[in-house]
Each structure stands twice: as structure tokens, then as C-alpha cells.
């Protein structure tokens, strides 16, 4: 992949009390449990990714189905970038953690 390639992705963020810039009171364990449950519901098709983002995400992008738009390398925190760029179009990541909390990423393009 070329260095200046850009991708487009959406995500769901669940913050916890220890997250950077957190507005959340829930414990890290509760946040992990919540993101795992959301992931299970998406994978089993109980809920669409975008609907889960609107309903659950602690990121302002949740209002728009989690869409982060287009971005290139270096725009996101390393853990997020590594996962997002490793996904194929329409693939959904397993839950993972960054300084901001727990994420699920879906590559849009």
C-alpha cells in the first residue's frame, strides 16, 4: 500500500473512567464487556454497525453512524491506524483498546 493512500472508516468508541479525555464513569471492565456485547450483536446481525454506532458510541461521530470520513497514515492514534489499514473494505475489526477507550472499526473504503 502506498504511503499516501487514504482509507475511509467508521468506528464505535466505548470510553471508561480511565480513558484519555473521558466523559464516562463506567469501569474499564464494564467498557470492555459492553464493546464485546456490541461486537457480538453486529457479527450475529442483530444490529447494523451504523445503528450500533448511533446507539452506543461515545465519540461525536456516533451521531453519523460512526463515520470518520477519509484519512491517511498519521492522522489517528497508532493502534487505531494499524487496525483500520489492515482491514478489507466492509470488514469489521475485533474490539481493541487505545488510550481513548475500546473501539470497533469498520473499513468503508
Protein backbone atom coordinates (compact mmCIF):
# COMPACT_ATOMS: atom_id res chain seq x y z
CA UNK A 1 0.00 0.00 0.00
CA UNK A 2 1.36 3.42 -0.90
CA UNK A 3 2.14 5.75 1.95
CA UNK A 4 -0.24 8.49 0.85
CA UNK A 5 -3.18 6.19 0.27
CA UNK A 6 -6.23 7.18 2.24
CA UNK A 7 -8.97 4.99 3.58
CA UNK A 8 -12.41 5.73 4.90
CA UNK A 9 -13.63 4.12 8.11
CA UNK A 10 -16.28 4.23 10.81
CA UNK A 11 -15.91 3.29 14.44
CA UNK A 12 -17.67 2.72 17.72
CA UNK A 13 -15.94 4.02 20.84
CA UNK A 14 -16.76 3.00 24.38
CA UNK A 15 -14.93 5.17 26.90
CA UNK A 16 -14.31 4.29 30.54
CA UNK A 17 -13.26 6.26 33.59
CA UNK A 18 -9.54 5.80 32.80
CA UNK A 19 -9.81 6.84 29.10
CA UNK A 20 -7.97 9.92 27.86
CA UNK A 21 -10.40 12.87 27.86
CA UNK A 22 -13.13 10.60 29.19
CA UNK A 23 -16.68 11.71 29.77
CA UNK A 24 -17.54 8.25 31.07
CA UNK A 25 -17.98 6.99 34.61
CA UNK A 26 -18.01 3.26 33.81
CA UNK A 27 -15.12 0.99 34.77
CA UNK A 28 -12.64 -0.36 32.24
CA UNK A 29 -14.05 -3.89 32.73
CA UNK A 30 -17.61 -2.68 32.09
CA UNK A 31 -16.49 -0.84 28.96
CA UNK A 32 -14.72 -3.98 27.67
CA UNK A 33 -17.80 -6.07 28.36
CA UNK A 34 -20.03 -3.52 26.58
CA UNK A 35 -17.84 -3.37 23.45
CA UNK A 36 -17.71 -7.19 23.34
CA UNK A 37 -21.52 -7.37 23.51
CA UNK A 38 -21.91 -4.75 20.77
CA UNK A 39 -19.41 -6.63 18.58
CA UNK A 40 -21.32 -9.89 19.12
CA UNK A 41 -24.60 -8.21 18.11
CA UNK A 42 -23.05 -6.76 14.94
CA UNK A 43 -21.41 -10.05 13.91
CA UNK A 44 -24.63 -12.00 14.54
CA UNK A 45 -26.52 -9.33 12.55
CA UNK A 46 -28.79 -8.37 15.46
CA UNK A 47 -27.86 -4.74 14.72
CA UNK A 48 -26.19 -2.95 11.82
CA UNK A 49 -22.82 -1.35 12.50
CA UNK A 50 -24.05 2.20 11.82
CA UNK A 51 -27.10 1.74 14.05
CA UNK A 52 -24.89 0.38 16.86
CA UNK A 53 -22.64 3.46 16.50
CA UNK A 54 -25.62 5.84 16.78
CA UNK A 55 -26.94 3.96 19.80
CA UNK A 56 -23.72 3.25 21.74
CA UNK A 57 -20.65 5.20 20.60
CA UNK A 58 -19.10 7.76 22.97
CA UNK A 59 -17.48 9.52 20.01
CA UNK A 60 -19.27 12.51 18.45
CA UNK A 61 -19.03 10.57 15.14
CA UNK A 62 -21.61 8.16 16.57
CA UNK A 63 -24.36 10.59 15.56
CA UNK A 64 -23.45 9.97 11.91
CA UNK A 65 -23.17 6.18 12.21
CA UNK A 66 -19.57 6.34 13.38
CA UNK A 67 -18.19 7.71 10.11
CA UNK A 68 -14.74 9.27 10.42
CA UNK A 69 -14.54 10.05 6.71
CA UNK A 70 -11.31 9.73 4.80
CA UNK A 71 -7.90 9.82 6.45
CA UNK A 72 -4.32 8.91 5.72
CA UNK A 73 -1.49 7.44 7.77
CA UNK A 74 -0.53 9.52 10.78
CA UNK A 75 -3.99 11.03 11.32
CA UNK A 76 -5.15 8.58 14.01
CA UNK A 77 -3.53 7.03 17.08
CA UNK A 78 -1.23 4.14 16.16
CA UNK A 79 -3.40 1.27 17.49
CA UNK A 80 -6.40 2.60 15.56
CA UNK A 81 -4.46 3.24 12.37
CA UNK A 82 -2.80 -0.20 12.38
CA UNK A 83 -6.17 -1.95 12.66
CA UNK A 84 -8.06 0.32 10.23
CA UNK A 85 -5.44 0.00 7.49
CA UNK A 86 -5.26 -3.80 7.92
CA UNK A 87 -8.97 -4.30 7.22
CA UNK A 88 -10.51 -5.01 3.83
CA UNK A 89 -13.45 -2.93 2.58
CA UNK A 90 -16.60 -3.63 4.68
CA UNK A 91 -14.58 -5.73 7.18
CA UNK A 92 -15.22 -5.14 10.89
CA UNK A 93 -12.42 -5.39 13.44
CA UNK A 94 -12.47 -7.25 16.70
CA UNK A 95 -12.70 -4.92 19.70
CA UNK A 96 -9.38 -3.31 20.63
CA UNK A 97 -8.12 -0.72 23.08
CA UNK A 98 -6.45 2.67 22.68
CA UNK A 99 -5.84 5.49 25.17
CA UNK A 100 -9.34 6.73 24.35
CA UNK A 101 -11.18 3.50 25.27
CA UNK A 102 -12.36 0.45 23.36
CA UNK A 103 -13.09 0.55 19.63
CA UNK A 104 -14.63 -1.47 16.85
CA UNK A 105 -13.65 -0.25 13.37
CA UNK A 106 -15.34 -0.85 10.04
CA UNK A 107 -13.45 -0.01 6.88
CA UNK A 108 -15.76 1.80 4.50
CA UNK A 109 -13.40 2.18 1.53
